Amino acid sequence: MPVSGMPHHSVSFGLLPIVLACLLATPPSFADDLALQSLGLRARLSEKTLLGDEAPEDFKEYDLSANVALPWESYSTSGWGMGTRLMASAGLLRGAGENALVVSAIPELTLGSQDGRFLLDLGAGGALFSRHRFGTQDYGGPFQFALTLGIGGPLYRQLGLGYRFLHYSDAGVNGSDTTGADFHMIEFRYRY
């Protein structure tokens, strides 16, 4: 049943990032536990749609990301386990001959090796677009919810290679005539 004109799944999708952010928010007493884990450079490989409607425009995205460890983690003596981090990024989104600056902050849950060589992550957060209309596609507004799933492994010493799925959507907040987009990206990262 619609709530305030939005389908039920849009309301629960919209609450997911808020709940996740509250659970992962760092209290001031843990400020010393924050540490830069890695820097990444990403580029879109494909935009095959997995979530939502097919995007009417073709997009390219290039960005730089920084991953900062959050204090909640649990690793075994073997060095494998789970942790939390914040992925912040800034980059260029290009579609229909138009460019936009995109910045995002996404809290993530990570599974893998404690040194970050092998990693699987899942997160939900937010992104800000400097423009939200590209030709016939309207994202709905400058604020977008961002969902991500990534997997990565070592390439050479501190360098790593990975795949990232990234989804932007306003979750129907700005009406039912908006369209998000899915990005399949290659990611090069440098571990600290």
N, C-alpha and C. Protein backbone atom coordinates (compact mmCIF):
# COMPACT_ATOMS: atom_id res chain seq x y z
N MET A 1 0.84 -1.18 0.00
CA MET A 1 0.00 0.00 0.00
C MET A 1 0.89 1.24 0.00
N PRO A 2 0.61 2.23 -0.85
CA PRO A 2 1.44 3.42 -0.92
C PRO A 2 1.42 4.21 0.38
N VAL A 3 2.57 4.77 0.75
CA VAL A 3 2.70 5.64 1.90
C VAL A 3 3.12 7.00 1.36
N SER A 4 2.30 8.01 1.57
CA SER A 4 2.58 9.36 1.07
C SER A 4 2.84 9.35 -0.43
N GLY A 5 2.13 8.53 -1.18
CA GLY A 5 2.26 8.51 -2.62
C GLY A 5 3.44 7.69 -3.13
N MET A 6 4.18 7.00 -2.24
CA MET A 6 5.32 6.18 -2.66
C MET A 6 5.01 4.72 -2.39
N PRO A 7 5.45 3.83 -3.27
CA PRO A 7 5.27 2.41 -3.02
C PRO A 7 6.03 2.00 -1.76
N HIS A 8 5.58 0.94 -1.10
CA HIS A 8 6.18 0.47 0.15
C HIS A 8 7.67 0.17 -0.01
N HIS A 9 8.08 -0.44 -1.13
CA HIS A 9 9.50 -0.77 -1.31
C HIS A 9 10.36 0.49 -1.40
N SER A 10 9.82 1.61 -1.89
CA SER A 10 10.59 2.85 -1.95
C SER A 10 10.85 3.39 -0.55
N VAL A 11 9.86 3.26 0.33
CA VAL A 11 10.02 3.74 1.69
C VAL A 11 11.08 2.91 2.40
N SER A 12 11.01 1.57 2.30
CA SER A 12 12.00 0.74 2.99
C SER A 12 13.38 0.90 2.36
N PHE A 13 13.46 1.09 1.04
CA PHE A 13 14.75 1.31 0.38
C PHE A 13 15.35 2.63 0.87
N GLY A 14 14.51 3.64 1.05
CA GLY A 14 14.98 4.94 1.52
C GLY A 14 15.44 4.92 2.96
N LEU A 15 14.88 4.05 3.78
CA LEU A 15 15.27 3.97 5.18
C LEU A 15 16.55 3.16 5.38
N LEU A 16 16.88 2.26 4.45
CA LEU A 16 18.07 1.42 4.59
C LEU A 16 19.35 2.23 4.79
N PRO A 17 19.65 3.24 3.96
CA PRO A 17 20.88 4.00 4.18
C PRO A 17 20.90 4.74 5.52
N ILE A 18 19.74 5.22 5.96
CA ILE A 18 19.67 5.95 7.23
C ILE A 18 19.98 5.01 8.38
N VAL A 19 19.37 3.82 8.37
CA VAL A 19 19.63 2.84 9.43
C VAL A 19 21.09 2.40 9.41
N LEU A 20 21.62 2.12 8.22
CA LEU A 20 23.01 1.70 8.10
C LEU A 20 23.96 2.80 8.59
N ALA A 21 23.68 4.04 8.24
CA ALA A 21 24.54 5.15 8.67
C ALA A 21 24.50 5.30 10.19
N CYS A 22 23.33 5.13 10.80
CA CYS A 22 23.24 5.22 12.26
C CYS A 22 24.02 4.10 12.93
N LEU A 23 23.96 2.90 12.37
CA LEU A 23 24.68 1.78 12.96
C LEU A 23 26.20 1.93 12.82
N LEU A 24 26.63 2.56 11.73
CA LEU A 24 28.07 2.68 11.46
C LEU A 24 28.65 4.02 11.87
N ALA A 25 27.83 4.94 12.37
CA ALA A 25 28.33 6.26 12.76
C ALA A 25 29.37 6.10 13.86
N THR A 26 30.47 6.80 13.72
CA THR A 26 31.58 6.69 14.65
C THR A 26 31.41 7.66 15.81
N PRO A 27 31.39 7.16 17.05
CA PRO A 27 31.33 8.08 18.19
C PRO A 27 32.68 8.82 18.32
N PRO A 28 32.68 10.02 18.89
CA PRO A 28 33.92 10.79 19.01
C PRO A 28 35.04 10.06 19.74
N SER A 29 34.73 9.17 20.67
CA SER A 29 35.77 8.49 21.43
C SER A 29 36.59 7.53 20.57
N PHE A 30 36.11 7.19 19.37
CA PHE A 30 36.83 6.28 18.49
C PHE A 30 37.58 7.01 17.37
N ALA A 31 37.71 8.32 17.46
CA ALA A 31 38.33 9.09 16.38
C ALA A 31 39.75 8.62 16.09
N ASP A 32 40.48 8.14 17.08
CA ASP A 32 41.84 7.67 16.85
C ASP A 32 41.88 6.37 16.06
N ASP A 33 40.76 5.64 16.00
CA ASP A 33 40.71 4.37 15.29
C ASP A 33 40.56 4.51 13.78
N LEU A 34 40.23 5.71 13.31
CA LEU A 34 40.04 5.92 11.88
C LEU A 34 41.40 5.90 11.18
N ALA A 35 41.49 5.15 10.10
CA ALA A 35 42.76 5.06 9.36
C ALA A 35 42.46 4.88 7.88
N LEU A 36 43.25 5.56 7.03
CA LEU A 36 43.12 5.41 5.59
C LEU A 36 43.57 4.01 5.20
N GLN A 37 42.69 3.24 4.57
CA GLN A 37 43.01 1.87 4.14
C GLN A 37 43.53 1.83 2.72
N SER A 38 42.85 2.57 1.82
CA SER A 38 43.24 2.51 0.40
C SER A 38 42.70 3.69 -0.37
N LEU A 39 43.32 3.94 -1.52
CA LEU A 39 42.84 4.90 -2.50
C LEU A 39 42.55 4.11 -3.77
N GLY A 40 41.49 4.48 -4.47
CA GLY A 40 41.12 3.76 -5.68
C GLY A 40 40.80 4.68 -6.83
N LEU A 41 41.04 4.19 -8.02
CA LEU A 41 40.70 4.86 -9.26
C LEU A 41 39.73 3.94 -10.00
N ARG A 42 38.55 4.45 -10.37
CA ARG A 42 37.52 3.60 -10.97
C ARG A 42 37.04 4.16 -12.30
N ALA A 43 36.63 3.25 -13.18
CA ALA A 43 36.05 3.64 -14.47
C ALA A 43 34.96 2.64 -14.83
N ARG A 44 33.91 3.12 -15.48
CA ARG A 44 32.78 2.28 -15.87
C ARG A 44 33.17 1.34 -17.01
N LEU A 45 32.79 0.08 -16.86
CA LEU A 45 32.96 -0.91 -17.93
C LEU A 45 31.67 -1.11 -18.70
N SER A 46 30.56 -1.13 -17.97
CA SER A 46 29.26 -1.44 -18.54
C SER A 46 28.20 -0.82 -17.66
N GLU A 47 27.01 -0.62 -18.20
CA GLU A 47 25.90 -0.15 -17.38
C GLU A 47 24.68 -1.05 -17.54
N LYS A 48 24.92 -2.34 -17.68
CA LYS A 48 23.82 -3.30 -17.77
C LYS A 48 22.94 -3.15 -16.53
N THR A 49 21.65 -2.94 -16.75
CA THR A 49 20.72 -2.67 -15.66
C THR A 49 20.42 -3.92 -14.84
N LEU A 50 20.60 -3.79 -13.53
CA LEU A 50 20.23 -4.85 -12.59
C LEU A 50 19.09 -4.42 -11.69
N LEU A 51 19.08 -3.15 -11.28
CA LEU A 51 18.06 -2.61 -10.37
C LEU A 51 17.29 -1.51 -11.07
N GLY A 52 15.97 -1.51 -10.97
CA GLY A 52 15.15 -0.44 -11.54
C GLY A 52 14.98 -0.53 -13.04
N ASP A 53 14.51 0.60 -13.60
CA ASP A 53 14.24 0.68 -15.04
C ASP A 53 15.52 0.89 -15.83
N GLU A 54 15.46 0.52 -17.10
CA GLU A 54 16.58 0.72 -18.02
C GLU A 54 16.83 2.22 -18.18
N ALA A 55 18.10 2.63 -18.06
CA ALA A 55 18.46 4.05 -18.22
C ALA A 55 18.35 4.44 -19.69
N PRO A 56 17.65 5.54 -20.02
CA PRO A 56 17.50 5.94 -21.42
C PRO A 56 18.77 6.53 -22.02
N GLU A 57 19.71 6.96 -21.22
CA GLU A 57 20.96 7.54 -21.72
C GLU A 57 22.13 6.62 -21.37
N ASP A 58 23.21 6.76 -22.13
CA ASP A 58 24.44 6.01 -21.89
C ASP A 58 25.38 6.90 -21.07
N PHE A 59 25.93 6.37 -20.00
CA PHE A 59 26.77 7.16 -19.11
C PHE A 59 28.16 6.57 -19.00
N LYS A 60 29.09 7.46 -18.67
CA LYS A 60 30.45 7.09 -18.32
C LYS A 60 30.70 7.70 -16.95
N GLU A 61 31.46 7.00 -16.11
CA GLU A 61 31.81 7.55 -14.80
C GLU A 61 33.26 7.21 -14.51
N TYR A 62 33.97 8.22 -14.00
CA TYR A 62 35.36 8.06 -13.58
C TYR A 62 35.46 8.73 -12.22
N ASP A 63 36.06 8.05 -11.25
CA ASP A 63 36.21 8.71 -9.95
C ASP A 63 37.40 8.20 -9.16
N LEU A 64 37.69 8.94 -8.13
CA LEU A 64 38.74 8.60 -7.17
C LEU A 64 38.05 8.34 -5.85
N SER A 65 38.41 7.24 -5.19
CA SER A 65 37.78 6.92 -3.91
C SER A 65 38.83 6.76 -2.82
N ALA A 66 38.42 7.04 -1.61
CA ALA A 66 39.27 6.84 -0.43
C ALA A 66 38.47 5.98 0.55
N ASN A 67 39.11 4.96 1.09
CA ASN A 67 38.46 4.07 2.04
C ASN A 67 39.10 4.25 3.41
N VAL A 68 38.27 4.62 4.39
CA VAL A 68 38.72 4.88 5.75
C VAL A 68 38.12 3.82 6.67
N ALA A 69 38.99 3.16 7.43
CA ALA A 69 38.53 2.11 8.36
C ALA A 69 37.72 2.73 9.49
N LEU A 70 36.63 2.10 9.83
CA LEU A 70 35.84 2.46 11.00
C LEU A 70 36.19 1.46 12.11
N PRO A 71 35.91 1.79 13.36
CA PRO A 71 36.43 0.98 14.47
C PRO A 71 35.80 -0.40 14.68
N TRP A 72 34.69 -0.70 14.03
CA TRP A 72 34.04 -1.97 14.29
C TRP A 72 34.60 -3.05 13.38
N GLU A 73 35.28 -4.02 13.97
CA GLU A 73 35.86 -5.12 13.19
C GLU A 73 35.99 -6.35 14.07
N SER A 74 36.05 -7.50 13.42
CA SER A 74 36.25 -8.77 14.10
C SER A 74 37.02 -9.70 13.18
N TYR A 75 38.30 -9.90 13.50
CA TYR A 75 39.16 -10.76 12.69
C TYR A 75 39.70 -11.88 13.55
N SER A 76 39.81 -13.07 12.97
CA SER A 76 40.36 -14.22 13.69
C SER A 76 41.88 -14.14 13.70
N THR A 77 42.52 -15.04 14.41
CA THR A 77 43.99 -15.06 14.46
C THR A 77 44.58 -15.39 13.09
N SER A 78 43.79 -16.00 12.21
CA SER A 78 44.27 -16.29 10.85
C SER A 78 44.30 -15.04 9.97
N GLY A 79 43.68 -13.94 10.45
CA GLY A 79 43.66 -12.70 9.69
C GLY A 79 42.45 -12.51 8.80
N TRP A 80 41.46 -13.41 8.90
CA TRP A 80 40.23 -13.31 8.10
C TRP A 80 39.07 -12.93 9.00
N GLY A 81 38.14 -12.14 8.47
CA GLY A 81 36.98 -11.75 9.26
C GLY A 81 36.21 -10.64 8.59
N MET A 82 35.63 -9.76 9.43
CA MET A 82 34.81 -8.67 8.90
C MET A 82 35.16 -7.37 9.57
N GLY A 83 34.90 -6.28 8.86
CA GLY A 83 35.16 -4.94 9.38
C GLY A 83 34.18 -3.95 8.79
N THR A 84 34.36 -2.68 9.14
CA THR A 84 33.53 -1.61 8.61
C THR A 84 34.45 -0.51 8.11
N ARG A 85 33.96 0.23 7.12
CA ARG A 85 34.74 1.35 6.60
C ARG A 85 33.79 2.35 5.95
N LEU A 86 34.33 3.51 5.66
CA LEU A 86 33.60 4.54 4.93
C LEU A 86 34.30 4.74 3.60
N MET A 87 33.56 4.60 2.51
CA MET A 87 34.10 4.85 1.18
C MET A 87 33.59 6.22 0.72
N ALA A 88 34.51 7.16 0.52
CA ALA A 88 34.17 8.49 0.01
C ALA A 88 34.76 8.61 -1.39
N SER A 89 34.01 9.21 -2.30
CA SER A 89 34.52 9.34 -3.67
C SER A 89 34.11 10.67 -4.28
N ALA A 90 34.86 11.07 -5.30
CA ALA A 90 34.54 12.25 -6.09
C ALA A 90 34.93 11.94 -7.53
N GLY A 91 34.08 12.33 -8.47
CA GLY A 91 34.40 12.02 -9.85
C GLY A 91 33.49 12.70 -10.85
N LEU A 92 33.62 12.25 -12.09
CA LEU A 92 32.91 12.81 -13.23
C LEU A 92 31.89 11.81 -13.74
N LEU A 93 30.65 12.26 -13.91
CA LEU A 93 29.60 11.48 -14.55
C LEU A 93 29.27 12.19 -15.86
N ARG A 94 29.33 11.45 -16.97
CA ARG A 94 29.10 12.05 -18.29
C ARG A 94 28.00 11.27 -19.01
N GLY A 95 27.00 12.00 -19.51
CA GLY A 95 25.92 11.40 -20.26
C GLY A 95 25.22 12.43 -21.11
N ALA A 96 24.79 12.05 -22.32
CA ALA A 96 24.07 12.93 -23.25
C ALA A 96 24.84 14.22 -23.50
N GLY A 97 26.18 14.15 -23.53
CA GLY A 97 27.00 15.32 -23.80
C GLY A 97 27.14 16.27 -22.63
N GLU A 98 26.63 15.89 -21.46
CA GLU A 98 26.68 16.74 -20.27
C GLU A 98 27.58 16.10 -19.22
N ASN A 99 28.27 16.94 -18.43
CA ASN A 99 29.13 16.47 -17.35
C ASN A 99 28.56 16.88 -16.00
N ALA A 100 28.82 16.05 -14.98
CA ALA A 100 28.42 16.39 -13.62
C ALA A 100 29.49 15.92 -12.66
N LEU A 101 29.69 16.69 -11.61
CA LEU A 101 30.54 16.28 -10.51
C LEU A 101 29.68 15.42 -9.59
N VAL A 102 30.21 14.29 -9.17
CA VAL A 102 29.49 13.41 -8.24
C VAL A 102 30.39 13.16 -7.04
N VAL A 103 29.88 13.42 -5.84
CA VAL A 103 30.60 13.08 -4.61
C VAL A 103 29.70 12.16 -3.80
N SER A 104 30.32 11.18 -3.13
CA SER A 104 29.53 10.23 -2.36
C SER A 104 30.22 9.86 -1.06
N ALA A 105 29.43 9.39 -0.11
CA ALA A 105 29.91 8.84 1.15
C ALA A 105 29.06 7.61 1.43
N ILE A 106 29.72 6.44 1.51
CA ILE A 106 29.00 5.18 1.65
C ILE A 106 29.63 4.34 2.76
N PRO A 107 28.93 4.16 3.89
CA PRO A 107 29.42 3.22 4.91
C PRO A 107 29.32 1.80 4.36
N GLU A 108 30.33 0.97 4.66
CA GLU A 108 30.36 -0.38 4.12
C GLU A 108 30.69 -1.42 5.18
N LEU A 109 30.21 -2.61 4.95
CA LEU A 109 30.59 -3.79 5.71
C LEU A 109 31.54 -4.56 4.82
N THR A 110 32.70 -4.98 5.35
CA THR A 110 33.69 -5.69 4.54
C THR A 110 33.92 -7.08 5.10
N LEU A 111 34.18 -8.02 4.20
CA LEU A 111 34.54 -9.39 4.55
C LEU A 111 35.82 -9.72 3.82
N GLY A 112 36.77 -10.34 4.50
CA GLY A 112 38.01 -10.71 3.82
C GLY A 112 39.19 -10.70 4.74
N SER A 113 40.38 -10.49 4.15
CA SER A 113 41.61 -10.50 4.94
C SER A 113 41.79 -9.16 5.64
N GLN A 114 42.36 -9.20 6.82
CA GLN A 114 42.54 -7.99 7.62
C GLN A 114 43.45 -6.98 6.94
N ASP A 115 44.41 -7.46 6.15
CA ASP A 115 45.32 -6.55 5.45
C ASP A 115 44.69 -5.92 4.21
N GLY A 116 43.46 -6.31 3.86
CA GLY A 116 42.74 -5.72 2.74
C GLY A 116 43.13 -6.24 1.37
N ARG A 117 43.98 -7.26 1.32
CA ARG A 117 44.37 -7.80 0.01
C ARG A 117 43.20 -8.46 -0.69
N PHE A 118 42.42 -9.27 0.03
CA PHE A 118 41.23 -9.93 -0.51
C PHE A 118 40.03 -9.34 0.22
N LEU A 119 39.07 -8.80 -0.54
CA LEU A 119 37.99 -8.06 0.08
C LEU A 119 36.69 -8.17 -0.69
N LEU A 120 35.61 -8.33 0.05
CA LEU A 120 34.25 -8.24 -0.47
C LEU A 120 33.56 -7.19 0.38
N ASP A 121 32.92 -6.20 -0.24
CA ASP A 121 32.25 -5.16 0.54
C ASP A 121 30.85 -4.90 0.02
N LEU A 122 30.02 -4.39 0.92
CA LEU A 122 28.62 -4.08 0.62
C LEU A 122 28.27 -2.82 1.39
N GLY A 123 27.67 -1.85 0.71
CA GLY A 123 27.33 -0.61 1.41
C GLY A 123 26.16 0.13 0.82
N ALA A 124 25.63 1.06 1.61
CA ALA A 124 24.54 1.94 1.19
C ALA A 124 24.80 3.31 1.79
N GLY A 125 24.65 4.35 0.97
CA GLY A 125 24.90 5.71 1.44
C GLY A 125 24.25 6.72 0.52
N GLY A 126 24.92 7.85 0.36
CA GLY A 126 24.35 8.91 -0.45
C GLY A 126 25.36 9.53 -1.38
N ALA A 127 24.85 10.19 -2.42
CA ALA A 127 25.69 10.88 -3.40
C ALA A 127 25.03 12.20 -3.77
N LEU A 128 25.86 13.18 -4.08
CA LEU A 128 25.37 14.48 -4.56
C LEU A 128 25.86 14.69 -5.98
N PHE A 129 24.93 15.07 -6.87
CA PHE A 129 25.22 15.34 -8.27
C PHE A 129 25.18 16.85 -8.48
N SER A 130 26.11 17.40 -9.26
CA SER A 130 26.06 18.82 -9.59
C SER A 130 24.97 19.11 -10.63
N ARG A 131 24.53 18.09 -11.35
CA ARG A 131 23.37 18.21 -12.25
C ARG A 131 22.66 16.86 -12.22
N HIS A 132 21.35 16.85 -12.41
CA HIS A 132 20.62 15.58 -12.35
C HIS A 132 19.84 15.28 -13.63
N ARG A 133 19.91 16.15 -14.62
CA ARG A 133 19.26 15.90 -15.92
C ARG A 133 20.32 15.77 -17.00
N PHE A 134 20.21 14.68 -17.75
CA PHE A 134 21.14 14.39 -18.84
C PHE A 134 20.30 13.97 -20.04
N GLY A 135 20.08 14.87 -20.98
CA GLY A 135 19.25 14.54 -22.13
C GLY A 135 17.85 14.14 -21.68
N THR A 136 17.43 12.92 -22.03
CA THR A 136 16.08 12.47 -21.67
C THR A 136 16.02 11.84 -20.29
N GLN A 137 17.16 11.68 -19.63
CA GLN A 137 17.16 11.03 -18.31
C GLN A 137 17.19 12.06 -17.19
N ASP A 138 16.27 11.88 -16.25
CA ASP A 138 16.19 12.73 -15.07
C ASP A 138 16.37 11.85 -13.84
N TYR A 139 17.45 12.06 -13.10
CA TYR A 139 17.69 11.31 -11.87
C TYR A 139 16.74 11.75 -10.76
N GLY A 140 16.10 12.92 -10.91
CA GLY A 140 15.10 13.36 -9.95
C GLY A 140 15.56 14.47 -9.04
N GLY A 141 16.84 14.60 -8.80
CA GLY A 141 17.33 15.65 -7.91
C GLY A 141 18.81 15.48 -7.66
N PRO A 142 19.43 16.44 -7.00
CA PRO A 142 20.86 16.37 -6.78
C PRO A 142 21.28 15.29 -5.77
N PHE A 143 20.39 14.94 -4.82
CA PHE A 143 20.73 13.87 -3.86
C PHE A 143 20.26 12.53 -4.39
N GLN A 144 21.15 11.54 -4.38
CA GLN A 144 20.83 10.19 -4.81
C GLN A 144 21.26 9.20 -3.73
N PHE A 145 20.48 8.16 -3.55
CA PHE A 145 20.92 7.05 -2.72
C PHE A 145 21.92 6.26 -3.54
N ALA A 146 22.91 5.70 -2.89
CA ALA A 146 23.94 4.93 -3.59
C ALA A 146 24.08 3.57 -2.92
N LEU A 147 23.98 2.52 -3.71
CA LEU A 147 24.22 1.15 -3.25
C LEU A 147 25.45 0.64 -3.96
N THR A 148 26.28 -0.13 -3.25
CA THR A 148 27.48 -0.65 -3.89
C THR A 148 27.82 -2.04 -3.37
N LEU A 149 28.46 -2.79 -4.24
CA LEU A 149 28.99 -4.11 -3.94
C LEU A 149 30.32 -4.21 -4.67
N GLY A 150 31.37 -4.60 -3.97
CA GLY A 150 32.68 -4.68 -4.60
C GLY A 150 33.43 -5.93 -4.19
N ILE A 151 34.34 -6.34 -5.05
CA ILE A 151 35.21 -7.47 -4.75
C ILE A 151 36.59 -7.12 -5.30
N GLY A 152 37.63 -7.45 -4.54
CA GLY A 152 38.96 -7.10 -4.99
C GLY A 152 40.01 -8.08 -4.49
N GLY A 153 41.13 -8.08 -5.20
CA GLY A 153 42.24 -8.94 -4.84
C GLY A 153 43.56 -8.26 -5.19
N PRO A 154 44.67 -8.88 -4.81
CA PRO A 154 45.97 -8.28 -5.07
C PRO A 154 46.37 -8.36 -6.53
N LEU A 155 47.13 -7.36 -6.97
CA LEU A 155 47.65 -7.32 -8.32
C LEU A 155 49.18 -7.39 -8.28
N TYR A 156 49.79 -6.47 -7.54
CA TYR A 156 51.24 -6.44 -7.39
C TYR A 156 51.57 -5.61 -6.15
N ARG A 157 52.21 -6.21 -5.19
CA ARG A 157 52.56 -5.56 -3.92
C ARG A 157 51.35 -4.87 -3.31
N GLN A 158 51.37 -3.53 -3.20
CA GLN A 158 50.27 -2.78 -2.59
C GLN A 158 49.14 -2.49 -3.57
N LEU A 159 49.31 -2.81 -4.84
CA LEU A 159 48.29 -2.54 -5.84
C LEU A 159 47.28 -3.67 -5.90
N GLY A 160 46.02 -3.31 -6.08
CA GLY A 160 44.97 -4.29 -6.20
C GLY A 160 44.04 -3.98 -7.36
N LEU A 161 43.30 -4.98 -7.77
CA LEU A 161 42.35 -4.86 -8.88
C LEU A 161 41.01 -5.37 -8.40
N GLY A 162 39.93 -4.71 -8.80
CA GLY A 162 38.63 -5.16 -8.35
C GLY A 162 37.51 -4.80 -9.31
N TYR A 163 36.33 -5.30 -8.97
CA TYR A 163 35.09 -5.02 -9.69
C TYR A 163 34.17 -4.32 -8.69
N ARG A 164 33.44 -3.31 -9.15
CA ARG A 164 32.48 -2.63 -8.30
C ARG A 164 31.17 -2.44 -9.06
N PHE A 165 30.07 -2.81 -8.40
CA PHE A 165 28.73 -2.50 -8.88
C PHE A 165 28.27 -1.29 -8.10
N LEU A 166 27.75 -0.27 -8.79
CA LEU A 166 27.30 0.95 -8.15
C LEU A 166 25.94 1.33 -8.73
N HIS A 167 24.99 1.60 -7.86
CA HIS A 167 23.64 1.96 -8.28
C HIS A 167 23.27 3.31 -7.67
N TYR A 168 22.81 4.24 -8.51
CA TYR A 168 22.30 5.53 -8.05
C TYR A 168 20.80 5.57 -8.30
N SER A 169 20.05 6.08 -7.32
CA SER A 169 18.61 6.22 -7.47
C SER A 169 18.09 7.21 -6.43
N ASP A 170 17.02 7.91 -6.77
CA ASP A 170 16.39 8.77 -5.76
C ASP A 170 15.31 7.99 -5.00
N ALA A 171 15.18 6.70 -5.30
CA ALA A 171 14.22 5.80 -4.62
C ALA A 171 12.79 6.31 -4.70
N GLY A 172 12.46 7.05 -5.76
CA GLY A 172 11.11 7.53 -5.94
C GLY A 172 10.76 8.75 -5.11
N VAL A 173 11.72 9.31 -4.37
CA VAL A 173 11.46 10.48 -3.53
C VAL A 173 10.97 11.67 -4.36
N ASN A 174 11.51 11.84 -5.57
CA ASN A 174 11.15 12.96 -6.43
C ASN A 174 10.08 12.61 -7.47
N GLY A 175 9.37 11.51 -7.27
CA GLY A 175 8.31 11.12 -8.18
C GLY A 175 8.63 9.82 -8.89
N SER A 176 7.64 9.28 -9.56
CA SER A 176 7.80 7.98 -10.22
C SER A 176 8.38 8.08 -11.62
N ASP A 177 8.57 9.30 -12.14
CA ASP A 177 9.08 9.45 -13.50
C ASP A 177 10.60 9.67 -13.55
N THR A 178 11.30 9.38 -12.45
CA THR A 178 12.76 9.51 -12.43
C THR A 178 13.39 8.13 -12.66
N THR A 179 14.62 8.15 -13.16
CA THR A 179 15.33 6.90 -13.46
C THR A 179 16.73 6.96 -12.88
N GLY A 180 17.13 5.93 -12.19
CA GLY A 180 18.49 5.82 -11.69
C GLY A 180 19.35 5.13 -12.73
N ALA A 181 20.53 4.69 -12.31
CA ALA A 181 21.42 4.00 -13.24
C ALA A 181 22.32 3.03 -12.48
N ASP A 182 22.72 1.97 -13.18
CA ASP A 182 23.64 0.97 -12.65
C ASP A 182 24.97 1.08 -13.38
N PHE A 183 26.06 0.94 -12.64
CA PHE A 183 27.40 1.00 -13.22
C PHE A 183 28.19 -0.24 -12.80
N HIS A 184 28.82 -0.86 -13.76
CA HIS A 184 29.75 -1.96 -13.50
C HIS A 184 31.13 -1.36 -13.77
N MET A 185 31.98 -1.35 -12.75
CA MET A 185 33.23 -0.59 -12.84
C MET A 185 34.44 -1.47 -12.54
N ILE A 186 35.55 -1.10 -13.16
CA ILE A 186 36.84 -1.71 -12.83
C ILE A 186 37.51 -0.75 -11.84
N GLU A 187 38.19 -1.31 -10.86
CA GLU A 187 38.75 -0.49 -9.80
C GLU A 187 40.22 -0.87 -9.58
N PHE A 188 41.09 0.11 -9.64
CA PHE A 188 42.50 -0.08 -9.29
C PHE A 188 42.69 0.59 -7.94
N ARG A 189 43.29 -0.14 -6.99
CA ARG A 189 43.47 0.48 -5.67
C ARG A 189 44.88 0.30 -5.15
N TYR A 190 45.23 1.24 -4.29
CA TYR A 190 46.52 1.20 -3.62
C TYR A 190 46.23 1.06 -2.13
N ARG A 191 46.72 -0.02 -1.51
CA ARG A 191 46.52 -0.29 -0.09
C ARG A 191 47.62 0.34 0.75
N TYR A 192 47.25 0.90 1.89
CA TYR A 192 48.22 1.45 2.84
C TYR A 192 48.53 0.43 3.90
